[in-house]
């Protein structure tokens, strides 16, 4: 998996809808499941959302936690 994609999931806010402004990595699984059934948006947003969906449905949330730590420490430098 591409590190930049993972970093983008914790740095990119949802641009619309009920969770507008919430980071893609923090979207609830129920919201991501709805998109998975209806179709993720096209382009980068959909790719980020589907990546987070796969991470969360496979119980790998720890990856997102670690990426958030890396992103926040990089922002302090």
PDB file of N, CA and C in Angstrom:
ATOM      1  N   UNK A   1       0.835  -1.182   0.000  1.00  0.00           N
ATOM      2  CA  UNK A   1       0.000   0.000   0.000  1.00  0.00           C
ATOM      3  C   UNK A   1       0.880   1.246   0.000  1.00  0.00           C
ATOM      4  N   UNK A   2       0.494   2.219  -0.752  1.00  0.00           N
ATOM      5  CA  UNK A   2       1.233   3.462  -0.910  1.00  0.00           C
ATOM      6  C   UNK A   2       1.124   4.321   0.356  1.00  0.00           C
ATOM      7  N   UNK A   3       2.280   4.744   0.899  1.00  0.00           N
ATOM      8  CA  UNK A   3       2.284   5.580   2.110  1.00  0.00           C
ATOM      9  C   UNK A   3       1.541   6.885   1.900  1.00  0.00           C
ATOM     10  N   UNK A   4       1.665   7.474   0.707  1.00  0.00           N
ATOM     11  CA  UNK A   4       0.988   8.745   0.433  1.00  0.00           C
ATOM     12  C   UNK A   4      -0.523   8.573   0.513  1.00  0.00           C
ATOM     13  N   UNK A   5      -1.038   7.468   0.030  1.00  0.00           N
ATOM     14  CA  UNK A   5      -2.482   7.209   0.101  1.00  0.00           C
ATOM     15  C   UNK A   5      -2.917   7.146   1.562  1.00  0.00           C
ATOM     16  N   UNK A   6      -2.152   6.435   2.378  1.00  0.00           N
ATOM     17  CA  UNK A   6      -2.495   6.336   3.796  1.00  0.00           C
ATOM     18  C   UNK A   6      -2.442   7.700   4.477  1.00  0.00           C
ATOM     19  N   UNK A   7      -1.418   8.471   4.174  1.00  0.00           N
ATOM     20  CA  UNK A   7      -1.337   9.823   4.743  1.00  0.00           C
ATOM     21  C   UNK A   7      -2.510  10.682   4.283  1.00  0.00           C
ATOM     22  N   UNK A   8      -2.887  10.548   3.034  1.00  0.00           N
ATOM     23  CA  UNK A   8      -4.019  11.326   2.517  1.00  0.00           C
ATOM     24  C   UNK A   8      -5.327  10.964   3.223  1.00  0.00           C
ATOM     25  N   UNK A   9      -5.480   9.715   3.669  1.00  0.00           N
ATOM     26  CA  UNK A   9      -6.718   9.338   4.352  1.00  0.00           C
ATOM     27  C   UNK A   9      -6.868  10.072   5.685  1.00  0.00           C
ATOM     28  N   UNK A  10      -5.741  10.419   6.320  1.00  0.00           N
ATOM     29  CA  UNK A  10      -5.813  11.124   7.607  1.00  0.00           C
ATOM     30  C   UNK A  10      -5.715  12.631   7.465  1.00  0.00           C
ATOM     31  N   UNK A  11      -5.430  13.106   6.257  1.00  0.00           N
ATOM     32  CA  UNK A  11      -5.290  14.553   6.021  1.00  0.00           C
ATOM     33  C   UNK A  11      -6.398  15.156   5.162  1.00  0.00           C
ATOM     34  N   UNK A  12      -7.228  14.309   4.574  1.00  0.00           N
ATOM     35  CA  UNK A  12      -8.247  14.797   3.638  1.00  0.00           C
ATOM     36  C   UNK A  12      -9.614  14.819   4.310  1.00  0.00           C
ATOM     37  N   UNK A  13     -10.246  15.990   4.364  1.00  0.00           N
ATOM     38  CA  UNK A  13     -11.591  16.055   4.944  1.00  0.00           C
ATOM     39  C   UNK A  13     -12.655  15.641   3.928  1.00  0.00           C
ATOM     40  N   UNK A  14     -13.731  15.096   4.439  1.00  0.00           N
ATOM     41  CA  UNK A  14     -14.884  14.755   3.600  1.00  0.00           C
ATOM     42  C   UNK A  14     -15.462  16.070   3.077  1.00  0.00           C
ATOM     43  N   UNK A  15     -15.615  16.202   1.753  1.00  0.00           N
ATOM     44  CA  UNK A  15     -16.028  17.500   1.194  1.00  0.00           C
ATOM     45  C   UNK A  15     -17.532  17.757   1.177  1.00  0.00           C
ATOM     46  N   UNK A  16     -18.353  16.762   1.514  1.00  0.00           N
ATOM     47  CA  UNK A  16     -19.805  16.947   1.433  1.00  0.00           C
ATOM     48  C   UNK A  16     -20.512  15.991   2.378  1.00  0.00           C
ATOM     49  N   UNK A  17     -21.811  16.195   2.508  1.00  0.00           N
ATOM     50  CA  UNK A  17     -22.661  15.252   3.225  1.00  0.00           C
ATOM     51  C   UNK A  17     -22.667  15.401   4.733  1.00  0.00           C
ATOM     52  N   UNK A  18     -23.215  14.398   5.349  1.00  0.00           N
ATOM     53  CA  UNK A  18     -23.416  14.364   6.792  1.00  0.00           C
ATOM     54  C   UNK A  18     -22.109  14.550   7.569  1.00  0.00           C
ATOM     55  N   UNK A  19     -21.023  14.049   7.029  1.00  0.00           N
ATOM     56  CA  UNK A  19     -19.738  14.101   7.715  1.00  0.00           C
ATOM     57  C   UNK A  19     -18.768  15.097   7.069  1.00  0.00           C
ATOM     58  N   UNK A  20     -19.315  16.118   6.444  1.00  0.00           N
ATOM     59  CA  UNK A  20     -18.481  17.148   5.811  1.00  0.00           C
ATOM     60  C   UNK A  20     -17.496  17.707   6.838  1.00  0.00           C
ATOM     61  N   UNK A  21     -16.225  17.760   6.446  1.00  0.00           N
ATOM     62  CA  UNK A  21     -15.175  18.288   7.311  1.00  0.00           C
ATOM     63  C   UNK A  21     -14.475  17.231   8.155  1.00  0.00           C
ATOM     64  N   UNK A  22     -15.070  16.071   8.310  1.00  0.00           N
ATOM     65  CA  UNK A  22     -14.458  14.983   9.083  1.00  0.00           C
ATOM     66  C   UNK A  22     -13.404  14.307   8.205  1.00  0.00           C
ATOM     67  N   UNK A  23     -12.276  13.953   8.781  1.00  0.00           N
ATOM     68  CA  UNK A  23     -11.224  13.300   8.011  1.00  0.00           C
ATOM     69  C   UNK A  23     -11.726  11.949   7.485  1.00  0.00           C
ATOM     70  N   UNK A  24     -11.307  11.614   6.281  1.00  0.00           N
ATOM     71  CA  UNK A  24     -11.744  10.374   5.635  1.00  0.00           C
ATOM     72  C   UNK A  24     -11.469   9.174   6.551  1.00  0.00           C
ATOM     73  N   UNK A  25     -10.331   9.180   7.216  1.00  0.00           N
ATOM     74  CA  UNK A  25      -9.976   8.062   8.104  1.00  0.00           C
ATOM     75  C   UNK A  25     -10.910   7.941   9.301  1.00  0.00           C
ATOM     76  N   UNK A  26     -11.628   9.002   9.636  1.00  0.00           N
ATOM     77  CA  UNK A  26     -12.509   9.001  10.804  1.00  0.00           C
ATOM     78  C   UNK A  26     -13.980   8.761  10.456  1.00  0.00           C
ATOM     79  N   UNK A  27     -14.269   8.508   9.187  1.00  0.00           N
ATOM     80  CA  UNK A  27     -15.657   8.238   8.812  1.00  0.00           C
ATOM     81  C   UNK A  27     -16.111   6.927   9.440  1.00  0.00           C
ATOM     82  N   UNK A  28     -17.345   6.886   9.940  1.00  0.00           N
ATOM     83  CA  UNK A  28     -17.839   5.637  10.535  1.00  0.00           C
ATOM     84  C   UNK A  28     -18.008   4.539   9.481  1.00  0.00           C
ATOM     85  N   UNK A  29     -17.800   3.320   9.923  1.00  0.00           N
ATOM     86  CA  UNK A  29     -17.892   2.181   9.012  1.00  0.00           C
ATOM     87  C   UNK A  29     -19.279   2.095   8.372  1.00  0.00           C
ATOM     88  N   UNK A  30     -20.321   2.449   9.108  1.00  0.00           N
ATOM     89  CA  UNK A  30     -21.676   2.374   8.543  1.00  0.00           C
ATOM     90  C   UNK A  30     -21.819   3.302   7.332  1.00  0.00           C
ATOM     91  N   UNK A  31     -21.206   4.465   7.385  1.00  0.00           N
ATOM     92  CA  UNK A  31     -21.233   5.422   6.272  1.00  0.00           C
ATOM     93  C   UNK A  31     -20.459   4.857   5.081  1.00  0.00           C
ATOM     94  N   UNK A  32     -19.302   4.274   5.374  1.00  0.00           N
ATOM     95  CA  UNK A  32     -18.489   3.677   4.307  1.00  0.00           C
ATOM     96  C   UNK A  32     -19.183   2.463   3.696  1.00  0.00           C
ATOM     97  N   UNK A  33     -19.891   1.692   4.524  1.00  0.00           N
ATOM     98  CA  UNK A  33     -20.644   0.548   3.997  1.00  0.00           C
ATOM     99  C   UNK A  33     -21.747   1.006   3.056  1.00  0.00           C
ATOM    100  N   UNK A  34     -22.392   2.103   3.387  1.00  0.00           N
ATOM    101  CA  UNK A  34     -23.443   2.646   2.522  1.00  0.00           C
ATOM    102  C   UNK A  34     -22.853   3.011   1.162  1.00  0.00           C
ATOM    103  N   UNK A  35     -21.713   3.702   1.184  1.00  0.00           N
ATOM    104  CA  UNK A  35     -21.061   4.062  -0.079  1.00  0.00           C
ATOM    105  C   UNK A  35     -20.608   2.824  -0.839  1.00  0.00           C
ATOM    106  N   UNK A  36     -20.149   1.814  -0.134  1.00  0.00           N
ATOM    107  CA  UNK A  36     -19.701   0.600  -0.798  1.00  0.00           C
ATOM    108  C   UNK A  36     -20.863  -0.040  -1.555  1.00  0.00           C
ATOM    109  N   UNK A  37     -22.053  -0.006  -0.962  1.00  0.00           N
ATOM    110  CA  UNK A  37     -23.236  -0.566  -1.633  1.00  0.00           C
ATOM    111  C   UNK A  37     -23.696   0.312  -2.794  1.00  0.00           C
ATOM    112  N   UNK A  38     -23.672   1.624  -2.607  1.00  0.00           N
ATOM    113  CA  UNK A  38     -24.188   2.568  -3.611  1.00  0.00           C
ATOM    114  C   UNK A  38     -23.146   2.963  -4.650  1.00  0.00           C
ATOM    115  N   UNK A  39     -21.883   2.827  -4.285  1.00  0.00           N
ATOM    116  CA  UNK A  39     -20.794   3.227  -5.180  1.00  0.00           C
ATOM    117  C   UNK A  39     -20.031   4.399  -4.589  1.00  0.00           C
ATOM    118  N   UNK A  40     -18.731   4.223  -4.440  1.00  0.00           N
ATOM    119  CA  UNK A  40     -17.890   5.308  -3.947  1.00  0.00           C
ATOM    120  C   UNK A  40     -17.813   6.397  -5.002  1.00  0.00           C
ATOM    121  N   UNK A  41     -17.600   7.636  -4.579  1.00  0.00           N
ATOM    122  CA  UNK A  41     -17.452   8.723  -5.560  1.00  0.00           C
ATOM    123  C   UNK A  41     -16.273   8.435  -6.500  1.00  0.00           C
ATOM    124  N   UNK A  42     -16.307   9.012  -7.682  1.00  0.00           N
ATOM    125  CA  UNK A  42     -15.182   8.798  -8.606  1.00  0.00           C
ATOM    126  C   UNK A  42     -13.926   9.529  -8.137  1.00  0.00           C
ATOM    127  N   UNK A  43     -12.814   9.122  -8.673  1.00  0.00           N
ATOM    128  CA  UNK A  43     -11.558   9.830  -8.438  1.00  0.00           C
ATOM    129  C   UNK A  43     -10.904   9.512  -7.110  1.00  0.00           C
ATOM    130  N   UNK A  44     -10.064  10.444  -6.695  1.00  0.00           N
ATOM    131  CA  UNK A  44      -9.249  10.267  -5.503  1.00  0.00           C
ATOM    132  C   UNK A  44     -10.094  10.080  -4.247  1.00  0.00           C
ATOM    133  N   UNK A  45     -11.171  10.842  -4.110  1.00  0.00           N
ATOM    134  CA  UNK A  45     -12.021  10.730  -2.928  1.00  0.00           C
ATOM    135  C   UNK A  45     -12.548   9.308  -2.764  1.00  0.00           C
ATOM    136  N   UNK A  46     -13.065   8.745  -3.823  1.00  0.00           N
ATOM    137  CA  UNK A  46     -13.583   7.386  -3.766  1.00  0.00           C
ATOM    138  C   UNK A  46     -12.507   6.370  -3.450  1.00  0.00           C
ATOM    139  N   UNK A  47     -11.321   6.575  -3.993  1.00  0.00           N
ATOM    140  CA  UNK A  47     -10.204   5.680  -3.729  1.00  0.00           C
ATOM    141  C   UNK A  47      -9.808   5.748  -2.253  1.00  0.00           C
ATOM    142  N   UNK A  48      -9.776   6.949  -1.680  1.00  0.00           N
ATOM    143  CA  UNK A  48      -9.439   7.090  -0.262  1.00  0.00           C
ATOM    144  C   UNK A  48     -10.511   6.453   0.617  1.00  0.00           C
ATOM    145  N   UNK A  49     -11.763   6.682   0.272  1.00  0.00           N
ATOM    146  CA  UNK A  49     -12.860   6.110   1.047  1.00  0.00           C
ATOM    147  C   UNK A  49     -12.855   4.581   0.972  1.00  0.00           C
ATOM    148  N   UNK A  50     -12.613   4.040  -0.201  1.00  0.00           N
ATOM    149  CA  UNK A  50     -12.594   2.581  -0.330  1.00  0.00           C
ATOM    150  C   UNK A  50     -11.391   1.980   0.395  1.00  0.00           C
ATOM    151  N   UNK A  51     -10.286   2.708   0.431  1.00  0.00           N
ATOM    152  CA  UNK A  51      -9.116   2.250   1.180  1.00  0.00           C
ATOM    153  C   UNK A  51      -9.434   2.165   2.667  1.00  0.00           C
ATOM    154  N   UNK A  52     -10.061   3.211   3.209  1.00  0.00           N
ATOM    155  CA  UNK A  52     -10.428   3.211   4.625  1.00  0.00           C
ATOM    156  C   UNK A  52     -11.470   2.129   4.901  1.00  0.00           C
ATOM    157  N   UNK A  53     -12.401   1.941   3.979  1.00  0.00           N
ATOM    158  CA  UNK A  53     -13.396   0.879   4.125  1.00  0.00           C
ATOM    159  C   UNK A  53     -12.704  -0.483   4.263  1.00  0.00           C
ATOM    160  N   UNK A  54     -11.760  -0.776   3.386  1.00  0.00           N
ATOM    161  CA  UNK A  54     -11.045  -2.054   3.431  1.00  0.00           C
ATOM    162  C   UNK A  54     -10.259  -2.204   4.730  1.00  0.00           C
ATOM    163  N   UNK A  55      -9.605  -1.138   5.161  1.00  0.00           N
ATOM    164  CA  UNK A  55      -8.836  -1.189   6.406  1.00  0.00           C
ATOM    165  C   UNK A  55      -9.760  -1.502   7.583  1.00  0.00           C
ATOM    166  N   UNK A  56     -10.867  -0.767   7.657  1.00  0.00           N
ATOM    167  CA  UNK A  56     -11.769  -0.934   8.798  1.00  0.00           C
ATOM    168  C   UNK A  56     -12.505  -2.270   8.777  1.00  0.00           C
ATOM    169  N   UNK A  57     -12.933  -2.723   7.612  1.00  0.00           N
ATOM    170  CA  UNK A  57     -13.670  -3.992   7.563  1.00  0.00           C
ATOM    171  C   UNK A  57     -12.767  -5.193   7.839  1.00  0.00           C
ATOM    172  N   UNK A  58     -11.466  -5.013   7.672  1.00  0.00           N
ATOM    173  CA  UNK A  58     -10.528  -6.094   7.957  1.00  0.00           C
ATOM    174  C   UNK A  58      -9.910  -5.980   9.346  1.00  0.00           C
ATOM    175  N   UNK A  59     -10.458  -5.059  10.170  1.00  0.00           N
ATOM    176  CA  UNK A  59      -9.993  -4.930  11.546  1.00  0.00           C
ATOM    177  C   UNK A  59      -8.587  -4.381  11.689  1.00  0.00           C
ATOM    178  N   UNK A  60      -8.179  -3.568  10.730  1.00  0.00           N
ATOM    179  CA  UNK A  60      -6.817  -3.037  10.735  1.00  0.00           C
ATOM    180  C   UNK A  60      -6.774  -1.553  11.123  1.00  0.00           C
ATOM    181  N   UNK A  61      -7.709  -1.134  11.960  1.00  0.00           N
ATOM    182  CA  UNK A  61      -7.799   0.264  12.378  1.00  0.00           C
ATOM    183  C   UNK A  61      -6.490   0.784  12.981  1.00  0.00           C
ATOM    184  N   UNK A  62      -5.703  -0.123  13.540  1.00  0.00           N
ATOM    185  CA  UNK A  62      -4.421   0.257  14.141  1.00  0.00           C
ATOM    186  C   UNK A  62      -3.522   0.961  13.121  1.00  0.00           C
ATOM    187  N   UNK A  63      -3.640   0.578  11.861  1.00  0.00           N
ATOM    188  CA  UNK A  63      -2.857   1.227  10.803  1.00  0.00           C
ATOM    189  C   UNK A  63      -3.203   2.713  10.750  1.00  0.00           C
ATOM    190  N   UNK A  64      -4.493   3.019  10.788  1.00  0.00           N
ATOM    191  CA  UNK A  64      -4.919   4.424  10.727  1.00  0.00           C
ATOM    192  C   UNK A  64      -4.434   5.192  11.945  1.00  0.00           C
ATOM    193  N   UNK A  65      -4.477   4.566  13.108  1.00  0.00           N
ATOM    194  CA  UNK A  65      -4.004   5.202  14.336  1.00  0.00           C
ATOM    195  C   UNK A  65      -2.523   5.564  14.206  1.00  0.00           C
ATOM    196  N   UNK A  66      -1.728   4.630  13.694  1.00  0.00           N
ATOM    197  CA  UNK A  66      -0.291   4.880  13.540  1.00  0.00           C
ATOM    198  C   UNK A  66      -0.020   5.960  12.495  1.00  0.00           C
ATOM    199  N   UNK A  67      -0.773   5.938  11.409  1.00  0.00           N
ATOM    200  CA  UNK A  67      -0.596   6.958  10.369  1.00  0.00           C
ATOM    201  C   UNK A  67      -0.949   8.346  10.923  1.00  0.00           C
ATOM    202  N   UNK A  68      -1.993   8.426  11.745  1.00  0.00           N
ATOM    203  CA  UNK A  68      -2.366   9.713  12.380  1.00  0.00           C
ATOM    204  C   UNK A  68      -1.217  10.223  13.239  1.00  0.00           C
ATOM    205  N   UNK A  69      -0.566   9.322  13.973  1.00  0.00           N
ATOM    206  CA  UNK A  69       0.565   9.717  14.807  1.00  0.00           C
ATOM    207  C   UNK A  69       1.713  10.240  13.949  1.00  0.00           C
ATOM    208  N   UNK A  70       2.003   9.548  12.875  1.00  0.00           N
ATOM    209  CA  UNK A  70       3.082   9.976  11.967  1.00  0.00           C
ATOM    210  C   UNK A  70       2.754  11.339  11.374  1.00  0.00           C
ATOM    211  N   UNK A  71       1.507  11.513  10.920  1.00  0.00           N
ATOM    212  CA  UNK A  71       1.084  12.780  10.304  1.00  0.00           C
ATOM    213  C   UNK A  71       1.145  13.926  11.305  1.00  0.00           C
ATOM    214  N   UNK A  72       0.742  13.679  12.543  1.00  0.00           N
ATOM    215  CA  UNK A  72       0.765  14.769  13.525  1.00  0.00           C
ATOM    216  C   UNK A  72       2.182  15.122  13.941  1.00  0.00           C
ATOM    217  N   UNK A  73       3.068  14.132  14.027  1.00  0.00           N
ATOM    218  CA  UNK A  73       4.457  14.436  14.379  1.00  0.00           C
ATOM    219  C   UNK A  73       5.166  15.135  13.224  1.00  0.00           C
ATOM    220  N   UNK A  74       4.820  14.799  11.999  1.00  0.00           N
ATOM    221  CA  UNK A  74       5.405  15.473  10.832  1.00  0.00           C
ATOM    222  C   UNK A  74       4.949  16.921  10.765  1.00  0.00           C
ATOM    223  N   UNK A  75       3.719  17.185  11.196  1.00  0.00           N
ATOM    224  CA  UNK A  75       3.189  18.545  11.188  1.00  0.00           C
ATOM    225  C   UNK A  75       3.835  19.444  12.215  1.00  0.00           C
ATOM    226  N   UNK A  76       4.453  18.854  13.236  1.00  0.00           N
ATOM    227  CA  UNK A  76       5.101  19.642  14.290  1.00  0.00           C
ATOM    228  C   UNK A  76       6.529  19.998  13.923  1.00  0.00           C
ATOM    229  N   UNK A  77       7.078  19.369  12.905  1.00  0.00           N
ATOM    230  CA  UNK A  77       8.477  19.636  12.522  1.00  0.00           C
ATOM    231  C   UNK A  77       8.574  20.779  11.561  1.00  0.00           C
TER     232      UNK A  77
END
